[in-house]
Amino acid sequence: MSSAIVSAAVCTDADTGSFFELANRAGRSCLARAGVSSDRIGLVINAGVFRDSNISEPAVAALIQKRLEVGLEYSTGQLPAFSFDLMNGATGVVHALMAAQCFLAPGEVEYALVVAGDTHPSTEREREDFPYSVSGAAILLRSSRDAGGFGTPHTTEIGDAARPTAWVDLDAAGSDGRNALTLRGGTGDPLDAAEQVVRACLADEGIDPGDFATGKAVLLAPAPVPGFRERLAYRLGMPSTAIAGVHPAVGDPYSAAPIHAYASAAAEGLLDAAGAVIFLAADDSTAACLAYHPLPLATSGSVAELRTNHTGG
């Protein structure tokens, strides 16, 4: 058994700054597009980093699980559900996809939902001191005998990645710590790290760079710096049309960026013939890359054609 992506959705509604609500809306949209009811979800993973009121307990995943009405009743005939947070900065979604596959592969869990997104803890939108776009995103996976699933993740860290890049300065915040946040950017180059992990991933998966020019492979790129997609395409020697990015109007959705890129690629039809979809996540501290195969690779070694439906937007 392996895992297959069923649908994806993002939510950037301007009427709320709550990550909990945005993730809930994205999750419900994701399930509706797939025609899957919430009582069939056995796993919810939250990869979002910045959340309402700096809440740390209970787990944000559990709060989103409650809003989605997933596994709220433990009784005979009801599917028990498990939820947890998996936070690893901008690369959390990549690691969450791997974690979900570990639960899906044995076949004990039929569907898993990964959510991500960020907001300033005050839930105020358009704050000058918060560099990331406020959004919620969700991607639905199912246990599958037909899909090739995910390959081996490739990661790297840049510089002193152990230094904190976000925290609450309690002395400065005083009694307003629930709404306070201090951010410090890293010193690394996300392009260098992204190029490194993508090249390692393609070599490990045996993916021919020419497959990107023909549409048999698609690279999903985040948006940590302006022009990231075009600059990465130049470094990798790929046509920029083979790299699906985040719309410039969205900005940098940080933890949700891989799902934004996947949803955009699906909406543009870039996944219709893709046998390999390369998930990339990066910021100025780290990068991670993961290949997804809708079908197993053909015995010839070339990328197999995609025969499953992708939805997103």
Protein backbone atom coordinates (compact mmCIF):
# COMPACT_ATOMS: atom_id res chain seq x y z
CA MET A 1 0.00 0.00 0.00
CA SER A 2 1.05 3.58 -0.59
CA SER A 3 -0.66 6.97 -0.62
CA ALA A 4 -2.33 9.13 -3.24
CA ILE A 5 -3.24 12.81 -3.27
CA VAL A 6 -6.98 13.21 -3.70
CA SER A 7 -7.55 16.97 -3.54
CA ALA A 8 -6.16 20.24 -2.26
CA ALA A 9 -7.58 23.63 -1.37
CA VAL A 10 -6.43 26.99 -0.03
CA CYS A 11 -8.34 29.74 1.73
CA THR A 12 -7.32 33.40 1.81
CA ASP A 13 -10.70 34.85 2.79
CA ALA A 14 -10.28 38.42 3.95
CA ASP A 15 -13.10 38.37 6.52
CA THR A 16 -11.00 36.56 9.15
CA GLY A 17 -7.44 36.56 10.39
CA SER A 18 -7.83 33.34 12.34
CA PHE A 19 -5.67 30.47 11.13
CA PHE A 20 -8.07 28.06 12.83
CA GLU A 21 -10.97 29.34 10.74
CA LEU A 22 -8.97 29.58 7.50
CA ALA A 23 -7.67 26.03 7.93
CA ASN A 24 -11.20 24.84 8.70
CA ARG A 25 -12.55 26.43 5.53
CA ALA A 26 -9.71 25.03 3.42
CA GLY A 27 -10.19 21.59 4.95
CA ARG A 28 -13.94 21.56 4.34
CA SER A 29 -13.43 22.73 0.75
CA CYS A 30 -10.82 20.03 0.24
CA LEU A 31 -13.19 17.32 1.49
CA ALA A 32 -16.13 18.67 -0.53
CA ARG A 33 -14.13 18.63 -3.76
CA ALA A 34 -13.14 15.04 -3.11
CA GLY A 35 -16.65 14.00 -2.12
CA VAL A 36 -15.29 12.61 1.16
CA SER A 37 -17.19 13.05 4.42
CA SER A 38 -15.37 14.07 7.60
CA ASP A 39 -16.23 10.77 9.31
CA ARG A 40 -13.87 8.95 6.92
CA ILE A 41 -10.79 10.93 8.01
CA GLY A 42 -8.52 8.95 10.31
CA LEU A 43 -5.64 11.41 10.64
CA VAL A 44 -5.23 15.19 10.80
CA ILE A 45 -1.74 16.75 10.77
CA ASN A 46 -1.17 20.47 11.24
CA ALA A 47 2.06 21.84 9.78
CA GLY A 48 1.24 25.50 10.40
CA VAL A 49 3.63 27.50 12.57
CA PHE A 50 2.09 30.85 13.54
CA ARG A 51 -1.33 30.58 15.14
CA ASP A 52 -4.05 32.52 16.91
CA SER A 53 -3.07 33.90 20.33
CA ASN A 54 0.20 31.89 20.33
CA ILE A 55 -1.79 28.87 21.48
CA SER A 56 0.41 25.87 22.26
CA GLU A 57 -1.98 23.65 24.23
CA PRO A 58 -4.04 21.85 23.19
CA ALA A 59 -2.43 21.00 19.87
CA VAL A 60 -3.63 23.20 17.03
CA ALA A 61 -4.36 20.04 15.03
CA ALA A 62 -6.86 18.98 17.68
CA LEU A 63 -8.62 22.36 17.55
CA ILE A 64 -8.86 22.16 13.76
CA GLN A 65 -10.01 18.54 14.00
CA LYS A 66 -12.86 19.71 16.23
CA ARG A 67 -13.89 22.44 13.77
CA LEU A 68 -13.86 19.93 10.94
CA GLU A 69 -15.94 17.51 13.05
CA VAL A 70 -13.47 14.70 12.47
CA GLY A 71 -13.67 11.74 14.86
CA LEU A 72 -15.46 13.57 17.67
CA GLU A 73 -17.36 10.50 18.84
CA TYR A 74 -15.71 7.24 19.90
CA SER A 75 -18.37 4.58 19.60
CA THR A 76 -18.98 1.29 17.83
CA GLY A 77 -18.86 1.76 14.08
CA GLN A 78 -17.14 5.15 14.28
CA LEU A 79 -13.67 5.59 12.84
CA PRO A 80 -11.28 6.79 15.56
CA ALA A 81 -9.18 9.78 14.48
CA PHE A 82 -5.73 10.92 15.51
CA SER A 83 -4.34 14.45 15.19
CA PHE A 84 -1.04 16.13 15.97
CA ASP A 85 1.12 19.15 15.13
CA LEU A 86 4.27 18.70 13.05
CA MET A 87 6.03 22.06 12.96
CA ASN A 88 9.28 22.45 11.06
CA GLY A 89 9.17 26.00 9.75
CA ALA A 90 8.61 26.33 6.02
CA THR A 91 9.32 22.63 5.42
CA GLY A 92 6.63 21.25 7.72
CA VAL A 93 4.27 20.19 4.92
CA VAL A 94 6.95 18.05 3.26
CA HIS A 95 7.58 16.20 6.51
CA ALA A 96 3.83 15.95 7.20
CA LEU A 97 3.28 14.25 3.84
CA MET A 98 5.88 11.64 4.74
CA ALA A 99 4.36 11.15 8.19
CA ALA A 100 0.90 10.73 6.66
CA GLN A 101 2.18 8.08 4.27
CA CYS A 102 3.51 6.10 7.24
CA PHE A 103 -0.03 5.90 8.59
CA LEU A 104 -1.66 5.28 5.20
CA ALA A 105 0.69 2.61 3.87
CA PRO A 106 -0.40 -0.14 6.31
CA GLY A 107 -4.00 0.49 5.23
CA GLU A 108 -5.34 1.06 8.73
CA VAL A 109 -6.13 4.71 7.93
CA GLU A 110 -8.09 5.36 4.73
CA TYR A 111 -7.80 9.15 4.55
CA ALA A 112 -5.39 11.69 6.06
CA LEU A 113 -5.73 15.46 5.96
CA VAL A 114 -2.69 17.75 6.18
CA VAL A 115 -3.36 21.41 6.95
CA ALA A 116 -0.99 24.37 7.09
CA GLY A 117 -1.03 28.14 7.21
CA ASP A 118 -0.01 31.06 9.37
CA THR A 119 -1.33 34.21 10.96
CA HIS A 120 -0.05 36.88 13.30
CA PRO A 121 -1.05 35.85 16.86
CA SER A 122 -3.21 38.96 17.14
CA THR A 123 -5.16 37.65 14.09
CA GLU A 124 -4.81 41.15 12.61
CA ARG A 125 -4.21 41.05 8.86
CA GLU A 126 -1.73 43.14 6.86
CA ARG A 127 0.62 43.81 9.75
CA GLU A 128 3.91 45.37 8.68
CA ASP A 129 5.81 43.35 11.30
CA PHE A 130 4.54 40.01 9.94
CA PRO A 131 6.17 39.08 6.61
CA TYR A 132 3.97 36.10 5.74
CA SER A 133 0.62 35.91 4.01
CA VAL A 134 -2.34 34.93 6.17
CA SER A 135 -3.98 31.81 4.79
CA GLY A 136 -5.11 28.26 5.43
CA ALA A 137 -4.46 25.28 3.17
CA ALA A 138 -5.33 21.60 3.14
CA ILE A 139 -4.34 18.54 1.15
CA LEU A 140 -6.17 15.22 1.34
CA LEU A 141 -4.44 11.85 0.93
CA ARG A 142 -5.83 8.33 0.82
CA SER A 143 -4.42 4.87 1.17
CA SER A 144 -3.85 3.44 -2.32
CA ARG A 145 -2.63 0.27 -4.00
CA ASP A 146 -2.17 2.02 -7.33
CA ALA A 147 -0.20 5.19 -6.63
CA GLY A 148 3.56 5.29 -6.33
CA GLY A 149 3.29 7.59 -3.34
CA PHE A 150 6.15 9.65 -1.95
CA GLY A 151 9.85 9.02 -2.28
CA THR A 152 12.73 9.83 0.04
CA PRO A 153 12.82 13.37 1.48
CA HIS A 154 15.93 15.45 0.88
CA THR A 155 16.73 18.24 3.32
CA THR A 156 19.44 20.73 4.13
CA GLU A 157 20.07 23.42 6.70
CA ILE A 158 21.85 26.70 6.19
CA GLY A 159 24.11 28.47 8.66
CA ASP A 160 23.13 28.51 12.32
CA ALA A 161 19.64 27.05 11.89
CA ALA A 162 19.41 26.29 15.61
CA ARG A 163 19.03 29.97 16.46
CA PRO A 164 15.41 30.95 17.12
CA THR A 165 13.82 32.97 14.34
CA ALA A 166 10.48 33.61 16.05
CA TRP A 167 9.61 34.07 19.70
CA VAL A 168 7.64 36.18 22.17
CA ASP A 169 9.67 38.86 23.93
CA LEU A 170 7.89 38.71 27.28
CA ASP A 171 9.65 41.78 28.66
CA ALA A 172 8.51 43.89 25.71
CA ALA A 173 5.07 42.31 25.44
CA GLY A 174 4.15 42.65 29.09
CA SER A 175 0.60 41.44 29.62
CA ASP A 176 -0.04 41.28 25.87
CA GLY A 177 2.03 38.17 25.19
CA ARG A 178 -0.87 36.37 23.54
CA ASN A 179 -0.81 38.93 20.72
CA ALA A 180 2.95 39.51 20.48
CA LEU A 181 5.56 38.05 18.15
CA THR A 182 9.18 38.84 17.37
CA LEU A 183 10.67 37.64 14.07
CA ARG A 184 14.29 37.48 12.98
CA GLY A 185 15.20 36.35 9.50
CA GLY A 186 17.96 33.85 8.79
CA THR A 187 21.14 34.56 6.86
CA GLY A 188 21.02 31.79 4.29
CA ASP A 189 20.11 31.90 0.60
CA PRO A 190 16.89 29.94 -0.09
CA LEU A 191 17.88 29.57 -3.74
CA ASP A 192 21.13 27.80 -2.88
CA ALA A 193 19.37 25.41 -0.53
CA ALA A 194 16.49 24.79 -2.95
CA GLU A 195 18.83 24.01 -5.82
CA GLN A 196 20.78 21.59 -3.66
CA VAL A 197 17.79 19.55 -2.47
CA VAL A 198 16.06 19.51 -5.87
CA ARG A 199 19.16 18.21 -7.62
CA ALA A 200 19.60 15.54 -4.93
CA CYS A 201 15.94 14.53 -5.23
CA LEU A 202 16.01 14.22 -9.03
CA ALA A 203 19.20 12.16 -8.91
CA ASP A 204 17.81 9.86 -6.23
CA GLU A 205 14.51 9.37 -8.06
CA GLY A 206 16.16 8.93 -11.46
CA ILE A 207 14.03 11.67 -12.97
CA ASP A 208 15.25 12.96 -16.32
CA PRO A 209 15.44 16.79 -16.39
CA GLY A 210 13.93 16.58 -19.87
CA ASP A 211 10.68 15.34 -18.33
CA PHE A 212 10.06 18.85 -17.02
CA ALA A 213 10.15 20.33 -20.52
CA THR A 214 7.55 17.84 -21.75
CA GLY A 215 5.22 18.18 -18.75
CA LYS A 216 5.83 14.66 -17.47
CA ALA A 217 7.30 16.16 -14.30
CA VAL A 218 6.35 19.34 -12.43
CA LEU A 219 8.25 21.17 -9.71
CA LEU A 220 6.23 23.00 -7.04
CA ALA A 221 8.08 26.05 -5.77
CA PRO A 222 7.37 28.22 -2.71
CA ALA A 223 7.79 32.00 -2.62
CA PRO A 224 10.34 32.92 0.08
CA VAL A 225 11.82 35.74 -2.03
CA PRO A 226 10.52 37.72 -5.05
CA GLY A 227 11.07 35.98 -8.38
CA PHE A 228 11.98 32.71 -6.69
CA ARG A 229 10.33 30.48 -9.32
CA GLU A 230 12.02 32.15 -12.28
CA ARG A 231 15.42 32.33 -10.61
CA LEU A 232 15.25 28.68 -9.56
CA ALA A 233 14.28 27.64 -13.09
CA TYR A 234 17.35 29.44 -14.44
CA ARG A 235 19.66 27.71 -11.95
CA LEU A 236 18.23 24.29 -12.71
CA GLY A 237 18.18 24.80 -16.46
CA MET A 238 14.43 24.19 -16.63
CA PRO A 239 11.72 26.14 -18.43
CA SER A 240 9.93 28.35 -15.92
CA THR A 241 6.64 26.92 -17.20
CA ALA A 242 7.67 23.57 -15.69
CA ILE A 243 7.77 25.11 -12.23
CA ALA A 244 4.47 25.91 -10.52
CA GLY A 245 4.78 28.70 -8.01
CA VAL A 246 2.65 30.84 -5.75
CA HIS A 247 0.78 33.71 -7.38
CA PRO A 248 2.61 37.00 -6.69
CA ALA A 249 -0.60 38.50 -5.29
CA VAL A 250 -0.58 35.88 -2.52
CA GLY A 251 2.89 36.82 -1.27
CA ASP A 252 4.71 34.28 0.88
CA PRO A 253 2.30 31.81 2.55
CA TYR A 254 5.26 30.23 4.42
CA SER A 255 4.20 26.86 5.86
CA ALA A 256 1.30 26.54 3.41
CA ALA A 257 3.38 27.40 0.32
CA PRO A 258 3.73 23.80 -1.01
CA ILE A 259 -0.04 23.34 -0.94
CA HIS A 260 -0.61 26.74 -2.57
CA ALA A 261 1.76 25.71 -5.37
CA TYR A 262 0.08 22.31 -5.77
CA ALA A 263 -3.38 23.87 -5.93
CA SER A 264 -2.19 26.42 -8.49
CA ALA A 265 -0.61 23.70 -10.63
CA ALA A 266 -3.80 21.64 -10.51
CA ALA A 267 -5.96 24.63 -11.45
CA GLU A 268 -3.70 25.41 -14.41
CA GLY A 269 -3.79 21.82 -15.66
CA LEU A 270 -0.06 21.30 -15.12
CA LEU A 271 -0.64 18.02 -13.29
CA ASP A 272 -2.82 16.38 -15.93
CA ALA A 273 0.10 14.58 -17.61
CA ALA A 274 2.61 14.62 -14.77
CA GLY A 275 4.01 11.33 -13.56
CA ALA A 276 6.18 13.03 -10.95
CA VAL A 277 5.31 16.03 -8.82
CA ILE A 278 8.22 17.48 -6.86
CA PHE A 279 7.25 19.22 -3.63
CA LEU A 280 9.76 21.89 -2.59
CA ALA A 281 9.74 23.96 0.59
CA ALA A 282 12.37 26.52 1.51
CA ASP A 283 13.14 29.59 3.58
CA ASP A 284 16.38 31.31 4.54
CA SER A 285 17.20 28.63 7.11
CA THR A 286 16.39 25.30 5.50
CA ALA A 287 14.96 23.49 2.48
CA ALA A 288 13.27 20.17 1.82
CA CYS A 289 12.26 18.34 -1.34
CA LEU A 290 10.02 15.30 -1.87
CA ALA A 291 8.87 13.49 -5.01
CA TYR A 292 5.30 12.28 -5.40
CA HIS A 293 4.42 9.65 -8.00
CA PRO A 294 0.71 9.36 -8.86
CA LEU A 295 1.62 6.00 -10.42
CA PRO A 296 4.73 3.82 -10.01
CA LEU A 297 7.61 4.58 -12.35
CA ALA A 298 7.50 2.65 -15.61
CA THR A 299 10.02 -0.15 -15.97
CA SER A 300 11.82 1.88 -18.64
CA GLY A 301 12.80 4.39 -16.00
CA SER A 302 10.86 7.29 -17.51
CA VAL A 303 8.11 9.01 -15.59
CA ALA A 304 4.78 7.19 -15.78
CA GLU A 305 1.81 9.15 -17.06
CA LEU A 306 -0.74 10.36 -14.55
CA ARG A 307 -4.11 8.63 -14.65
CA THR A 308 -5.68 10.03 -11.48
CA ASN A 309 -7.56 13.28 -11.05
CA HIS A 310 -6.11 16.29 -9.29
CA THR A 311 -8.23 19.07 -7.87
CA GLY A 312 -7.24 22.27 -6.15
CA GLY A 313 -7.61 25.99 -6.10
